[in-house]
């Protein structure tokens, strides 16, 4: 299964929105690839890093590992990526 970079990024953001990981509510960086096919985990981590660089996802270092959450300041942009141009089969 091969997904485009955009589709991987959209699925990452959709997963984080679905779990309500905004601002102060965060999850371990290594939890994000779970649910994706194993062969895509490296691509998912790379795309997650790109989302961090672009400011959609915020890193939060903790005493028990690196955590990430969605940037509340980019909520409108994140929702546009997730909900625009997606078919009902993606939901």
N, C-alpha and C. Protein backbone atom coordinates (compact mmCIF):
# COMPACT_ATOMS: atom_id res chain seq x y z
N UNK A 1 0.85 -1.19 0.00
CA UNK A 1 0.00 0.00 0.00
C UNK A 1 0.89 1.24 0.00
N UNK A 2 0.71 2.08 -0.99
CA UNK A 2 1.50 3.30 -1.08
C UNK A 2 0.55 4.49 -1.02
N UNK A 3 0.80 5.38 -0.08
CA UNK A 3 0.01 6.59 0.06
C UNK A 3 0.88 7.79 -0.29
N UNK A 4 0.25 8.83 -0.82
CA UNK A 4 0.98 10.06 -1.11
C UNK A 4 1.34 10.76 0.20
N UNK A 5 2.30 11.66 0.12
CA UNK A 5 2.70 12.43 1.29
C UNK A 5 1.51 13.19 1.86
N UNK A 6 0.71 13.80 0.97
CA UNK A 6 -0.45 14.56 1.42
C UNK A 6 -1.44 13.66 2.15
N UNK A 7 -1.68 12.47 1.63
CA UNK A 7 -2.65 11.56 2.26
C UNK A 7 -2.15 11.10 3.63
N UNK A 8 -0.86 10.84 3.76
CA UNK A 8 -0.30 10.45 5.06
C UNK A 8 -0.47 11.60 6.05
N UNK A 9 -0.14 12.81 5.62
CA UNK A 9 -0.26 13.98 6.49
C UNK A 9 -1.72 14.20 6.90
N UNK A 10 -2.63 14.04 5.95
CA UNK A 10 -4.05 14.23 6.25
C UNK A 10 -4.52 13.19 7.27
N UNK A 11 -4.08 11.96 7.11
CA UNK A 11 -4.49 10.90 8.05
C UNK A 11 -3.89 11.12 9.44
N UNK A 12 -2.66 11.63 9.50
CA UNK A 12 -2.05 11.95 10.80
C UNK A 12 -2.89 13.02 11.50
N UNK A 13 -3.18 14.09 10.77
CA UNK A 13 -3.96 15.18 11.36
C UNK A 13 -5.35 14.72 11.77
N UNK A 14 -5.98 13.91 10.92
CA UNK A 14 -7.32 13.41 11.22
C UNK A 14 -7.30 12.55 12.49
N UNK A 15 -6.30 11.71 12.63
CA UNK A 15 -6.18 10.87 13.82
C UNK A 15 -6.03 11.74 15.07
N UNK A 16 -5.20 12.76 14.98
CA UNK A 16 -4.96 13.62 16.13
C UNK A 16 -6.21 14.42 16.49
N UNK A 17 -6.96 14.88 15.50
CA UNK A 17 -8.21 15.60 15.76
C UNK A 17 -9.23 14.66 16.39
N UNK A 18 -9.34 13.46 15.84
CA UNK A 18 -10.30 12.48 16.35
C UNK A 18 -10.06 12.17 17.83
N UNK A 19 -8.79 12.13 18.23
CA UNK A 19 -8.44 11.86 19.62
C UNK A 19 -8.38 13.13 20.46
N UNK A 20 -8.64 14.27 19.84
CA UNK A 20 -8.68 15.57 20.53
C UNK A 20 -7.32 15.93 21.16
N UNK A 21 -6.23 15.67 20.44
CA UNK A 21 -4.90 15.99 20.93
C UNK A 21 -4.53 17.42 20.53
N UNK A 22 -5.17 18.40 21.16
CA UNK A 22 -4.94 19.82 20.91
C UNK A 22 -4.21 20.41 22.11
N UNK A 23 -3.26 21.32 21.85
CA UNK A 23 -2.63 22.10 22.91
C UNK A 23 -2.07 21.27 24.05
N UNK A 24 -2.68 21.41 25.23
CA UNK A 24 -2.19 20.75 26.44
C UNK A 24 -2.43 19.25 26.48
N UNK A 25 -3.30 18.75 25.63
CA UNK A 25 -3.54 17.30 25.58
C UNK A 25 -2.65 16.74 24.47
N UNK A 26 -1.77 15.84 24.82
CA UNK A 26 -0.77 15.36 23.87
C UNK A 26 -0.61 13.86 23.96
N UNK A 27 0.14 13.32 23.03
CA UNK A 27 0.42 11.88 22.99
C UNK A 27 1.88 11.66 22.61
N UNK A 28 2.35 10.48 22.86
CA UNK A 28 3.74 10.14 22.52
C UNK A 28 3.93 10.17 21.01
N UNK A 29 5.06 10.70 20.59
CA UNK A 29 5.42 10.76 19.17
C UNK A 29 5.31 9.38 18.53
N UNK A 30 5.74 8.36 19.25
CA UNK A 30 5.74 6.99 18.71
C UNK A 30 4.36 6.37 18.62
N UNK A 31 3.33 7.01 19.18
CA UNK A 31 1.96 6.49 19.06
C UNK A 31 1.33 6.85 17.72
N UNK A 32 1.81 7.87 17.07
CA UNK A 32 1.18 8.35 15.84
C UNK A 32 1.20 7.31 14.72
N UNK A 33 2.29 6.60 14.48
CA UNK A 33 2.27 5.61 13.39
C UNK A 33 1.35 4.41 13.62
N UNK A 34 0.97 4.16 14.86
CA UNK A 34 0.10 3.02 15.15
C UNK A 34 -1.21 3.18 14.39
N UNK A 35 -1.65 2.11 13.78
CA UNK A 35 -2.87 2.14 12.97
C UNK A 35 -2.57 2.25 11.48
N UNK A 36 -1.37 2.65 11.14
CA UNK A 36 -0.91 2.66 9.75
C UNK A 36 -0.27 1.31 9.45
N UNK A 37 -0.24 0.90 8.19
CA UNK A 37 0.50 -0.33 7.86
C UNK A 37 1.96 -0.20 8.28
N UNK A 38 2.52 -1.28 8.77
CA UNK A 38 3.89 -1.28 9.31
C UNK A 38 4.91 -0.73 8.31
N UNK A 39 4.71 -1.03 7.02
CA UNK A 39 5.68 -0.57 6.01
C UNK A 39 5.65 0.95 5.81
N UNK A 40 4.63 1.63 6.35
CA UNK A 40 4.53 3.08 6.21
C UNK A 40 5.02 3.84 7.44
N UNK A 41 5.38 3.15 8.50
CA UNK A 41 5.74 3.83 9.74
C UNK A 41 6.87 4.84 9.56
N UNK A 42 7.88 4.50 8.78
CA UNK A 42 8.99 5.44 8.55
C UNK A 42 8.48 6.68 7.83
N UNK A 43 7.63 6.50 6.82
CA UNK A 43 7.05 7.63 6.09
C UNK A 43 6.17 8.48 7.01
N UNK A 44 5.42 7.82 7.88
CA UNK A 44 4.54 8.55 8.81
C UNK A 44 5.38 9.41 9.74
N UNK A 45 6.45 8.87 10.27
CA UNK A 45 7.32 9.65 11.16
C UNK A 45 7.96 10.82 10.42
N UNK A 46 8.37 10.60 9.17
CA UNK A 46 8.95 11.69 8.37
C UNK A 46 7.92 12.79 8.12
N UNK A 47 6.70 12.40 7.79
CA UNK A 47 5.65 13.39 7.53
C UNK A 47 5.25 14.11 8.83
N UNK A 48 5.28 13.41 9.95
CA UNK A 48 5.00 14.05 11.23
C UNK A 48 6.06 15.11 11.54
N UNK A 49 7.31 14.79 11.26
CA UNK A 49 8.39 15.77 11.44
C UNK A 49 8.15 17.00 10.55
N UNK A 50 7.69 16.77 9.32
CA UNK A 50 7.39 17.88 8.41
C UNK A 50 6.25 18.73 8.96
N UNK A 51 5.23 18.10 9.52
CA UNK A 51 4.13 18.84 10.12
C UNK A 51 4.60 19.69 11.30
N UNK A 52 5.59 19.18 12.04
CA UNK A 52 6.18 19.96 13.14
C UNK A 52 6.90 21.18 12.56
N UNK A 53 7.71 20.97 11.51
CA UNK A 53 8.44 22.09 10.90
C UNK A 53 7.50 23.16 10.36
N UNK A 54 6.35 22.73 9.85
CA UNK A 54 5.37 23.68 9.29
C UNK A 54 4.48 24.30 10.36
N UNK A 55 4.59 23.85 11.60
CA UNK A 55 3.85 24.46 12.69
C UNK A 55 2.46 23.89 12.93
N UNK A 56 2.07 22.84 12.24
CA UNK A 56 0.75 22.24 12.47
C UNK A 56 0.75 21.40 13.74
N UNK A 57 1.89 20.80 14.04
CA UNK A 57 2.04 19.94 15.21
C UNK A 57 3.14 20.54 16.08
N UNK A 58 2.93 20.48 17.40
CA UNK A 58 3.88 21.05 18.36
C UNK A 58 4.51 19.92 19.16
N UNK A 59 5.83 19.98 19.31
CA UNK A 59 6.54 19.01 20.14
C UNK A 59 6.50 19.45 21.59
N UNK A 60 6.42 18.47 22.49
CA UNK A 60 6.46 18.74 23.92
C UNK A 60 7.38 17.71 24.57
N UNK A 61 8.61 18.10 24.89
CA UNK A 61 9.51 17.16 25.56
C UNK A 61 9.00 16.90 26.99
N UNK A 62 8.96 15.65 27.38
CA UNK A 62 8.55 15.28 28.73
C UNK A 62 9.64 14.42 29.35
N UNK A 63 9.50 14.15 30.61
CA UNK A 63 10.47 13.30 31.30
C UNK A 63 10.39 11.86 30.85
N UNK A 64 9.32 11.51 30.18
CA UNK A 64 9.12 10.12 29.75
C UNK A 64 9.07 10.00 28.23
N UNK A 65 9.63 10.97 27.50
CA UNK A 65 9.72 10.88 26.05
C UNK A 65 9.11 12.08 25.35
N UNK A 66 9.28 12.12 24.06
CA UNK A 66 8.78 13.22 23.25
C UNK A 66 7.29 13.03 22.97
N UNK A 67 6.52 14.07 23.22
CA UNK A 67 5.09 14.05 22.94
C UNK A 67 4.76 15.12 21.91
N UNK A 68 3.61 14.97 21.25
CA UNK A 68 3.17 15.93 20.24
C UNK A 68 1.70 16.24 20.45
N UNK A 69 1.31 17.44 19.99
CA UNK A 69 -0.09 17.85 20.00
C UNK A 69 -0.32 18.78 18.82
N UNK A 70 -1.58 19.01 18.52
CA UNK A 70 -1.93 19.91 17.42
C UNK A 70 -1.81 21.36 17.86
N UNK A 71 -1.41 22.22 16.96
CA UNK A 71 -1.29 23.64 17.21
C UNK A 71 -2.68 24.28 17.13
N UNK A 72 -3.18 24.77 18.25
CA UNK A 72 -4.51 25.37 18.30
C UNK A 72 -4.60 26.58 17.38
N UNK A 73 -3.50 27.30 17.21
CA UNK A 73 -3.48 28.49 16.36
C UNK A 73 -3.69 28.17 14.88
N UNK A 74 -3.53 26.92 14.49
CA UNK A 74 -3.72 26.52 13.09
C UNK A 74 -4.94 25.63 12.93
N UNK A 75 -5.89 25.73 13.85
CA UNK A 75 -7.06 24.85 13.83
C UNK A 75 -7.82 24.95 12.51
N UNK A 76 -8.06 26.16 12.03
CA UNK A 76 -8.82 26.33 10.79
C UNK A 76 -8.10 25.69 9.61
N UNK A 77 -6.78 25.86 9.53
CA UNK A 77 -6.01 25.27 8.44
C UNK A 77 -6.02 23.74 8.52
N UNK A 78 -5.89 23.22 9.74
CA UNK A 78 -5.89 21.76 9.94
C UNK A 78 -7.24 21.18 9.51
N UNK A 79 -8.33 21.81 9.93
CA UNK A 79 -9.65 21.31 9.56
C UNK A 79 -9.88 21.41 8.06
N UNK A 80 -9.34 22.43 7.42
CA UNK A 80 -9.46 22.56 5.97
C UNK A 80 -8.76 21.39 5.26
N UNK A 81 -7.55 21.05 5.73
CA UNK A 81 -6.81 19.93 5.14
C UNK A 81 -7.59 18.62 5.32
N UNK A 82 -8.14 18.43 6.50
CA UNK A 82 -8.83 17.17 6.80
C UNK A 82 -10.13 17.04 6.04
N UNK A 83 -10.95 18.08 6.05
CA UNK A 83 -12.32 17.96 5.57
C UNK A 83 -12.54 18.38 4.13
N UNK A 84 -11.66 19.17 3.56
CA UNK A 84 -11.82 19.57 2.14
C UNK A 84 -11.35 18.44 1.24
N UNK A 85 -12.11 18.20 0.20
CA UNK A 85 -11.76 17.21 -0.84
C UNK A 85 -11.61 15.79 -0.32
N UNK A 86 -12.36 15.43 0.72
CA UNK A 86 -12.30 14.04 1.14
C UNK A 86 -13.64 13.38 0.86
N UNK A 87 -13.56 12.16 0.40
CA UNK A 87 -14.77 11.44 0.07
C UNK A 87 -15.35 10.78 1.30
N UNK A 88 -16.59 10.34 1.22
CA UNK A 88 -17.24 9.70 2.35
C UNK A 88 -16.56 8.39 2.74
N UNK A 89 -15.85 7.77 1.81
CA UNK A 89 -15.17 6.51 2.13
C UNK A 89 -13.96 6.74 3.03
N UNK A 90 -13.45 8.00 3.10
CA UNK A 90 -12.31 8.30 3.94
C UNK A 90 -12.70 8.53 5.39
N UNK A 91 -13.94 8.76 5.65
CA UNK A 91 -14.38 9.11 6.99
C UNK A 91 -14.63 7.88 7.83
